């Protein structure tokens, strides 16, 4: 008997499929259907990679919940969007190893995933440029917020590119695979109205077409890197 492989997805509302009328349209489900694998989805809306902002104390951060994920032949992590929009802590701190800081959380997540899934390919997806509502004016409870593009600095003085560049550098240093949607999404949702309408429901969360685009880019990336076959 040939066993079916499983792809595990860790993420936030984008991975969960927020705003879709049918979860069959989310990128993880489309991707797994295309390659004939099982899907195990751990997307939870509003969560951060670090223990900051809306993930500060309820155990919902990536660093707090990856250990409970099931077996996987391929692990896909899609985060940093909410770390940019909702962080109430600096992106890093030289004097602390605490996972309230994004830099530390990414380091410890890479180490933890390598230990949990020895020898298995782990892919980190960098978030694409977008528009959204965030903790731009401060306020840890999220009440003082507004809409802005991700090339603007957030409450702690960073752009989304700062989170992407830091995460990408750390992940590559641990031998992780990186699919850089920030640079390679092929559309500019943050600045072009037509792209926003075509690929998202609100400037941030993908619509069905946006999810299909992510799934296609992920599938091509996996094939190019020899992580899966070329089944269509």
C-alpha atoms as a PDB file:
ATOM      1  CA  UNK A   1       0.000   0.000   0.000  1.00  0.00           C
ATOM      2  CA  UNK A   2       1.275   3.460  -0.927  1.00  0.00           C
ATOM      3  CA  UNK A   3       0.878   5.887   1.955  1.00  0.00           C
ATOM      4  CA  UNK A   4      -0.261   9.418   1.193  1.00  0.00           C
ATOM      5  CA  UNK A   5       2.100  12.117   2.372  1.00  0.00           C
ATOM      6  CA  UNK A   6       1.015  15.010   4.569  1.00  0.00           C
ATOM      7  CA  UNK A   7       1.817  18.722   4.399  1.00  0.00           C
ATOM      8  CA  UNK A   8       1.528  20.664   7.651  1.00  0.00           C
ATOM      9  CA  UNK A   9       0.733  24.385   7.579  1.00  0.00           C
ATOM     10  CA  UNK A  10       1.361  26.816  10.445  1.00  0.00           C
ATOM     11  CA  UNK A  11      -0.003  30.304  10.043  1.00  0.00           C
ATOM     12  CA  UNK A  12      -2.461  33.077  10.797  1.00  0.00           C
ATOM     13  CA  UNK A  13      -5.732  34.147   9.186  1.00  0.00           C
ATOM     14  CA  UNK A  14      -4.308  33.865   5.671  1.00  0.00           C
ATOM     15  CA  UNK A  15      -3.420  30.213   6.232  1.00  0.00           C
ATOM     16  CA  UNK A  16      -6.753  29.625   7.977  1.00  0.00           C
ATOM     17  CA  UNK A  17      -8.593  30.987   4.942  1.00  0.00           C
ATOM     18  CA  UNK A  18     -10.208  34.022   6.559  1.00  0.00           C
ATOM     19  CA  UNK A  19     -12.899  35.611   4.397  1.00  0.00           C
ATOM     20  CA  UNK A  20     -13.344  32.673   2.033  1.00  0.00           C
ATOM     21  CA  UNK A  21     -16.803  31.183   1.607  1.00  0.00           C
ATOM     22  CA  UNK A  22     -15.242  27.736   1.194  1.00  0.00           C
ATOM     23  CA  UNK A  23     -12.003  26.513   2.801  1.00  0.00           C
ATOM     24  CA  UNK A  24     -11.501  24.375  -0.302  1.00  0.00           C
ATOM     25  CA  UNK A  25     -10.264  27.599  -1.924  1.00  0.00           C
ATOM     26  CA  UNK A  26      -7.464  28.321   0.575  1.00  0.00           C
ATOM     27  CA  UNK A  27      -3.918  27.970  -0.716  1.00  0.00           C
ATOM     28  CA  UNK A  28      -2.980  25.039   1.530  1.00  0.00           C
ATOM     29  CA  UNK A  29      -5.992  23.013   0.406  1.00  0.00           C
ATOM     30  CA  UNK A  30      -5.534  23.860  -3.268  1.00  0.00           C
ATOM     31  CA  UNK A  31      -1.836  22.993  -3.064  1.00  0.00           C
ATOM     32  CA  UNK A  32      -2.445  19.629  -1.393  1.00  0.00           C
ATOM     33  CA  UNK A  33      -5.215  18.710  -3.813  1.00  0.00           C
ATOM     34  CA  UNK A  34      -2.960  19.497  -6.763  1.00  0.00           C
ATOM     35  CA  UNK A  35      -0.141  17.257  -5.532  1.00  0.00           C
ATOM     36  CA  UNK A  36      -2.330  14.516  -4.035  1.00  0.00           C
ATOM     37  CA  UNK A  37      -1.218  14.974  -0.410  1.00  0.00           C
ATOM     38  CA  UNK A  38      -3.136  15.221   2.849  1.00  0.00           C
ATOM     39  CA  UNK A  39      -3.417  18.626   4.500  1.00  0.00           C
ATOM     40  CA  UNK A  40      -3.016  19.435   8.192  1.00  0.00           C
ATOM     41  CA  UNK A  41      -3.812  23.118   8.693  1.00  0.00           C
ATOM     42  CA  UNK A  42      -2.897  25.017  11.875  1.00  0.00           C
ATOM     43  CA  UNK A  43      -3.874  28.505  10.806  1.00  0.00           C
ATOM     44  CA  UNK A  44      -5.380  30.694  13.539  1.00  0.00           C
ATOM     45  CA  UNK A  45      -6.543  34.213  12.816  1.00  0.00           C
ATOM     46  CA  UNK A  46      -4.874  37.139  14.548  1.00  0.00           C
ATOM     47  CA  UNK A  47      -1.804  35.223  15.699  1.00  0.00           C
ATOM     48  CA  UNK A  48       1.815  36.368  15.657  1.00  0.00           C
ATOM     49  CA  UNK A  49       5.026  34.399  15.399  1.00  0.00           C
ATOM     50  CA  UNK A  50       6.222  36.143  18.577  1.00  0.00           C
ATOM     51  CA  UNK A  51       4.522  36.420  21.954  1.00  0.00           C
ATOM     52  CA  UNK A  52       3.529  40.026  21.327  1.00  0.00           C
ATOM     53  CA  UNK A  53       0.409  42.036  20.555  1.00  0.00           C
ATOM     54  CA  UNK A  54      -2.637  39.820  20.171  1.00  0.00           C
ATOM     55  CA  UNK A  55      -0.531  36.714  20.897  1.00  0.00           C
ATOM     56  CA  UNK A  56       1.009  38.098  24.081  1.00  0.00           C
ATOM     57  CA  UNK A  57      -0.511  35.845  26.731  1.00  0.00           C
ATOM     58  CA  UNK A  58      -3.037  33.358  25.370  1.00  0.00           C
ATOM     59  CA  UNK A  59      -0.651  30.716  23.999  1.00  0.00           C
ATOM     60  CA  UNK A  60      -1.636  31.368  20.383  1.00  0.00           C
ATOM     61  CA  UNK A  61       1.731  32.521  19.061  1.00  0.00           C
ATOM     62  CA  UNK A  62       3.546  30.266  16.599  1.00  0.00           C
ATOM     63  CA  UNK A  63       6.335  29.703  19.086  1.00  0.00           C
ATOM     64  CA  UNK A  64       3.790  28.456  21.647  1.00  0.00           C
ATOM     65  CA  UNK A  65       1.796  26.092  19.454  1.00  0.00           C
ATOM     66  CA  UNK A  66       4.121  24.503  16.892  1.00  0.00           C
ATOM     67  CA  UNK A  67       4.999  21.682  19.305  1.00  0.00           C
ATOM     68  CA  UNK A  68       1.401  20.399  19.222  1.00  0.00           C
ATOM     69  CA  UNK A  69       1.332  19.994  15.435  1.00  0.00           C
ATOM     70  CA  UNK A  70       1.036  16.533  13.936  1.00  0.00           C
ATOM     71  CA  UNK A  71       3.377  14.526  11.729  1.00  0.00           C
ATOM     72  CA  UNK A  72       4.309  16.045   8.403  1.00  0.00           C
ATOM     73  CA  UNK A  73       6.388  15.211   5.331  1.00  0.00           C
ATOM     74  CA  UNK A  74       6.537  18.898   4.419  1.00  0.00           C
ATOM     75  CA  UNK A  75       6.112  21.841   6.797  1.00  0.00           C
ATOM     76  CA  UNK A  76       5.004  25.262   5.575  1.00  0.00           C
ATOM     77  CA  UNK A  77       5.116  28.327   7.831  1.00  0.00           C
ATOM     78  CA  UNK A  78       3.451  31.567   6.733  1.00  0.00           C
ATOM     79  CA  UNK A  79       3.795  34.428   9.201  1.00  0.00           C
ATOM     80  CA  UNK A  80       5.058  37.904  10.146  1.00  0.00           C
ATOM     81  CA  UNK A  81       2.006  39.729   8.766  1.00  0.00           C
ATOM     82  CA  UNK A  82       0.511  40.169  12.227  1.00  0.00           C
ATOM     83  CA  UNK A  83       3.925  40.729  13.779  1.00  0.00           C
ATOM     84  CA  UNK A  84       4.116  43.796  11.577  1.00  0.00           C
ATOM     85  CA  UNK A  85       0.527  44.962  12.050  1.00  0.00           C
ATOM     86  CA  UNK A  86      -0.022  44.172  15.733  1.00  0.00           C
ATOM     87  CA  UNK A  87       3.319  43.982  17.558  1.00  0.00           C
ATOM     88  CA  UNK A  88       3.597  46.006  20.740  1.00  0.00           C
ATOM     89  CA  UNK A  89       7.222  44.971  21.334  1.00  0.00           C
ATOM     90  CA  UNK A  90      10.389  45.933  19.410  1.00  0.00           C
ATOM     91  CA  UNK A  91      11.408  43.622  16.582  1.00  0.00           C
ATOM     92  CA  UNK A  92      14.523  42.587  18.531  1.00  0.00           C
ATOM     93  CA  UNK A  93      16.359  43.084  21.822  1.00  0.00           C
ATOM     94  CA  UNK A  94      20.076  42.435  22.225  1.00  0.00           C
ATOM     95  CA  UNK A  95      19.759  41.913  25.970  1.00  0.00           C
ATOM     96  CA  UNK A  96      16.967  39.329  25.961  1.00  0.00           C
ATOM     97  CA  UNK A  97      16.244  35.823  24.676  1.00  0.00           C
ATOM     98  CA  UNK A  98      12.522  36.309  25.315  1.00  0.00           C
ATOM     99  CA  UNK A  99      10.156  35.234  22.551  1.00  0.00           C
ATOM    100  CA  UNK A 100       8.169  38.438  22.920  1.00  0.00           C
ATOM    101  CA  UNK A 101      10.673  39.752  20.385  1.00  0.00           C
ATOM    102  CA  UNK A 102      10.263  38.726  16.754  1.00  0.00           C
ATOM    103  CA  UNK A 103      13.927  37.990  16.117  1.00  0.00           C
ATOM    104  CA  UNK A 104      14.132  35.584  19.051  1.00  0.00           C
ATOM    105  CA  UNK A 105      10.851  33.889  18.164  1.00  0.00           C
ATOM    106  CA  UNK A 106      11.989  33.154  14.608  1.00  0.00           C
ATOM    107  CA  UNK A 107      15.306  31.750  15.836  1.00  0.00           C
ATOM    108  CA  UNK A 108      13.606  29.482  18.362  1.00  0.00           C
ATOM    109  CA  UNK A 109      10.883  28.441  15.908  1.00  0.00           C
ATOM    110  CA  UNK A 110      13.507  27.336  13.367  1.00  0.00           C
ATOM    111  CA  UNK A 111      15.380  25.367  16.021  1.00  0.00           C
ATOM    112  CA  UNK A 112      12.190  23.793  17.330  1.00  0.00           C
ATOM    113  CA  UNK A 113      10.869  22.784  13.916  1.00  0.00           C
ATOM    114  CA  UNK A 114      14.197  21.224  12.908  1.00  0.00           C
ATOM    115  CA  UNK A 115      14.121  19.152  16.092  1.00  0.00           C
ATOM    116  CA  UNK A 116      10.445  18.199  15.692  1.00  0.00           C
ATOM    117  CA  UNK A 117      10.726  17.301  11.994  1.00  0.00           C
ATOM    118  CA  UNK A 118      14.273  15.972  11.493  1.00  0.00           C
ATOM    119  CA  UNK A 119      15.199  15.606   7.850  1.00  0.00           C
ATOM    120  CA  UNK A 120      11.891  17.026   6.603  1.00  0.00           C
ATOM    121  CA  UNK A 121      11.781  20.082   4.342  1.00  0.00           C
ATOM    122  CA  UNK A 122      10.536  23.229   6.062  1.00  0.00           C
ATOM    123  CA  UNK A 123       9.423  26.188   3.960  1.00  0.00           C
ATOM    124  CA  UNK A 124       8.883  29.697   5.296  1.00  0.00           C
ATOM    125  CA  UNK A 125       6.664  31.932   3.165  1.00  0.00           C
ATOM    126  CA  UNK A 126       7.451  35.621   3.431  1.00  0.00           C
ATOM    127  CA  UNK A 127       4.322  37.826   3.410  1.00  0.00           C
ATOM    128  CA  UNK A 128       3.516  39.800   0.285  1.00  0.00           C
ATOM    129  CA  UNK A 129       3.208  43.596   0.286  1.00  0.00           C
ATOM    130  CA  UNK A 130      -0.307  44.579   1.298  1.00  0.00           C
ATOM    131  CA  UNK A 131      -2.648  47.070   2.909  1.00  0.00           C
ATOM    132  CA  UNK A 132      -4.394  46.526   6.209  1.00  0.00           C
ATOM    133  CA  UNK A 133      -5.545  47.643   9.629  1.00  0.00           C
ATOM    134  CA  UNK A 134      -2.890  47.627  12.327  1.00  0.00           C
ATOM    135  CA  UNK A 135      -1.696  48.950  15.657  1.00  0.00           C
ATOM    136  CA  UNK A 136      -0.225  51.948  13.860  1.00  0.00           C
ATOM    137  CA  UNK A 137      -0.885  54.518  16.568  1.00  0.00           C
ATOM    138  CA  UNK A 138      -0.082  52.234  19.480  1.00  0.00           C
ATOM    139  CA  UNK A 139      -2.255  50.715  22.136  1.00  0.00           C
ATOM    140  CA  UNK A 140      -1.603  47.121  23.148  1.00  0.00           C
ATOM    141  CA  UNK A 141      -5.320  46.303  23.075  1.00  0.00           C
ATOM    142  CA  UNK A 142      -5.546  47.238  19.402  1.00  0.00           C
ATOM    143  CA  UNK A 143      -8.153  49.960  19.845  1.00  0.00           C
ATOM    144  CA  UNK A 144      -5.942  52.754  18.550  1.00  0.00           C
ATOM    145  CA  UNK A 145      -5.506  51.519  15.005  1.00  0.00           C
ATOM    146  CA  UNK A 146      -5.777  52.646  11.408  1.00  0.00           C
ATOM    147  CA  UNK A 147      -5.262  51.419   7.872  1.00  0.00           C
ATOM    148  CA  UNK A 148      -1.901  51.719   6.169  1.00  0.00           C
ATOM    149  CA  UNK A 149       0.363  50.147   3.573  1.00  0.00           C
ATOM    150  CA  UNK A 150       3.099  47.800   4.721  1.00  0.00           C
ATOM    151  CA  UNK A 151       5.861  50.078   3.485  1.00  0.00           C
ATOM    152  CA  UNK A 152       4.934  52.489   6.266  1.00  0.00           C
ATOM    153  CA  UNK A 153       6.540  52.079   9.681  1.00  0.00           C
ATOM    154  CA  UNK A 154       4.427  50.372  12.329  1.00  0.00           C
ATOM    155  CA  UNK A 155       4.014  51.212  16.009  1.00  0.00           C
ATOM    156  CA  UNK A 156       7.513  49.957  16.850  1.00  0.00           C
ATOM    157  CA  UNK A 157       9.143  51.776  13.932  1.00  0.00           C
ATOM    158  CA  UNK A 158       9.487  48.951  11.383  1.00  0.00           C
ATOM    159  CA  UNK A 159       8.161  48.280   7.901  1.00  0.00           C
ATOM    160  CA  UNK A 160       7.017  44.859   6.741  1.00  0.00           C
ATOM    161  CA  UNK A 161      10.274  44.629   4.784  1.00  0.00           C
ATOM    162  CA  UNK A 162      12.169  44.782   8.080  1.00  0.00           C
ATOM    163  CA  UNK A 163      10.302  41.703   9.318  1.00  0.00           C
ATOM    164  CA  UNK A 164      10.703  39.928   5.983  1.00  0.00           C
ATOM    165  CA  UNK A 165      14.425  40.600   5.723  1.00  0.00           C
ATOM    166  CA  UNK A 166      15.087  39.535   9.306  1.00  0.00           C
ATOM    167  CA  UNK A 167      12.989  36.384   9.016  1.00  0.00           C
ATOM    168  CA  UNK A 168      14.497  35.453   5.659  1.00  0.00           C
ATOM    169  CA  UNK A 169      18.068  35.853   6.910  1.00  0.00           C
ATOM    170  CA  UNK A 170      17.409  33.783  10.039  1.00  0.00           C
ATOM    171  CA  UNK A 171      15.584  31.016   8.177  1.00  0.00           C
ATOM    172  CA  UNK A 172      18.304  30.668   5.566  1.00  0.00           C
ATOM    173  CA  UNK A 173      20.931  30.486   8.312  1.00  0.00           C
ATOM    174  CA  UNK A 174      19.170  27.361   9.628  1.00  0.00           C
ATOM    175  CA  UNK A 175      18.894  25.768   6.213  1.00  0.00           C
ATOM    176  CA  UNK A 176      15.200  26.462   5.794  1.00  0.00           C
ATOM    177  CA  UNK A 177      13.608  26.946   2.400  1.00  0.00           C
ATOM    178  CA  UNK A 178      12.291  30.464   1.798  1.00  0.00           C
ATOM    179  CA  UNK A 179       9.600  31.461  -0.686  1.00  0.00           C
ATOM    180  CA  UNK A 180       9.783  35.256  -0.799  1.00  0.00           C
ATOM    181  CA  UNK A 181       6.294  36.454  -1.677  1.00  0.00           C
ATOM    182  CA  UNK A 182       7.282  39.980  -0.661  1.00  0.00           C
ATOM    183  CA  UNK A 183       9.430  40.186  -3.790  1.00  0.00           C
ATOM    184  CA  UNK A 184       8.059  37.383  -5.955  1.00  0.00           C
ATOM    185  CA  UNK A 185       4.264  37.511  -5.542  1.00  0.00           C
ATOM    186  CA  UNK A 186       3.995  39.062  -8.987  1.00  0.00           C
ATOM    187  CA  UNK A 187       1.466  41.710  -7.970  1.00  0.00           C
ATOM    188  CA  UNK A 188       1.562  44.921  -5.945  1.00  0.00           C
ATOM    189  CA  UNK A 189      -1.448  44.771  -3.654  1.00  0.00           C
ATOM    190  CA  UNK A 190      -0.078  47.592  -1.486  1.00  0.00           C
ATOM    191  CA  UNK A 191       0.026  50.229  -4.217  1.00  0.00           C
ATOM    192  CA  UNK A 192      -2.084  49.125  -7.202  1.00  0.00           C
ATOM    193  CA  UNK A 193      -5.850  49.175  -6.707  1.00  0.00           C
ATOM    194  CA  UNK A 194      -6.429  46.659  -9.492  1.00  0.00           C
ATOM    195  CA  UNK A 195      -4.112  44.142  -7.836  1.00  0.00           C
ATOM    196  CA  UNK A 196      -5.795  44.655  -4.486  1.00  0.00           C
ATOM    197  CA  UNK A 197      -9.215  43.942  -5.980  1.00  0.00           C
ATOM    198  CA  UNK A 198      -7.978  41.040  -8.090  1.00  0.00           C
ATOM    199  CA  UNK A 199      -6.191  39.136  -5.333  1.00  0.00           C
ATOM    200  CA  UNK A 200      -7.611  40.188  -1.953  1.00  0.00           C
ATOM    201  CA  UNK A 201     -10.901  40.772  -0.177  1.00  0.00           C
ATOM    202  CA  UNK A 202      -9.674  43.735   1.858  1.00  0.00           C
ATOM    203  CA  UNK A 203      -6.140  44.609   0.800  1.00  0.00           C
ATOM    204  CA  UNK A 204      -4.677  41.998   3.141  1.00  0.00           C
ATOM    205  CA  UNK A 205      -6.490  38.653   3.112  1.00  0.00           C
ATOM    206  CA  UNK A 206      -6.408  36.782  -0.203  1.00  0.00           C
ATOM    207  CA  UNK A 207      -9.590  36.013  -2.093  1.00  0.00           C
ATOM    208  CA  UNK A 208      -9.884  32.714  -3.978  1.00  0.00           C
ATOM    209  CA  UNK A 209      -7.723  34.047  -6.814  1.00  0.00           C
ATOM    210  CA  UNK A 210      -5.072  35.193  -4.357  1.00  0.00           C
ATOM    211  CA  UNK A 211      -5.016  31.811  -2.664  1.00  0.00           C
ATOM    212  CA  UNK A 212      -4.705  30.071  -6.032  1.00  0.00           C
ATOM    213  CA  UNK A 213      -1.753  32.311  -6.831  1.00  0.00           C
ATOM    214  CA  UNK A 214      -0.010  31.444  -3.559  1.00  0.00           C
ATOM    215  CA  UNK A 215      -0.709  27.738  -4.112  1.00  0.00           C
ATOM    216  CA  UNK A 216       0.751  27.892  -7.627  1.00  0.00           C
ATOM    217  CA  UNK A 217       3.866  29.704  -6.451  1.00  0.00           C
ATOM    218  CA  UNK A 218       4.321  27.217  -3.612  1.00  0.00           C
ATOM    219  CA  UNK A 219       3.855  24.249  -5.932  1.00  0.00           C
ATOM    220  CA  UNK A 220       6.354  25.622  -8.477  1.00  0.00           C
ATOM    221  CA  UNK A 221       8.836  26.371  -5.690  1.00  0.00           C
ATOM    222  CA  UNK A 222       8.553  22.824  -4.344  1.00  0.00           C
ATOM    223  CA  UNK A 223       9.026  21.282  -7.779  1.00  0.00           C
ATOM    224  CA  UNK A 224      12.011  23.511  -8.555  1.00  0.00           C
ATOM    225  CA  UNK A 225      13.646  22.480  -5.287  1.00  0.00           C
ATOM    226  CA  UNK A 226      12.863  18.781  -5.678  1.00  0.00           C
ATOM    227  CA  UNK A 227      10.545  18.673  -2.654  1.00  0.00           C
ATOM    228  CA  UNK A 228       7.584  17.092  -4.480  1.00  0.00           C
ATOM    229  CA  UNK A 229       6.863  15.490  -7.830  1.00  0.00           C
ATOM    230  CA  UNK A 230       5.280  17.368 -10.719  1.00  0.00           C
ATOM    231  CA  UNK A 231       1.775  15.861 -10.405  1.00  0.00           C
ATOM    232  CA  UNK A 232      -0.942  18.254 -11.584  1.00  0.00           C
END
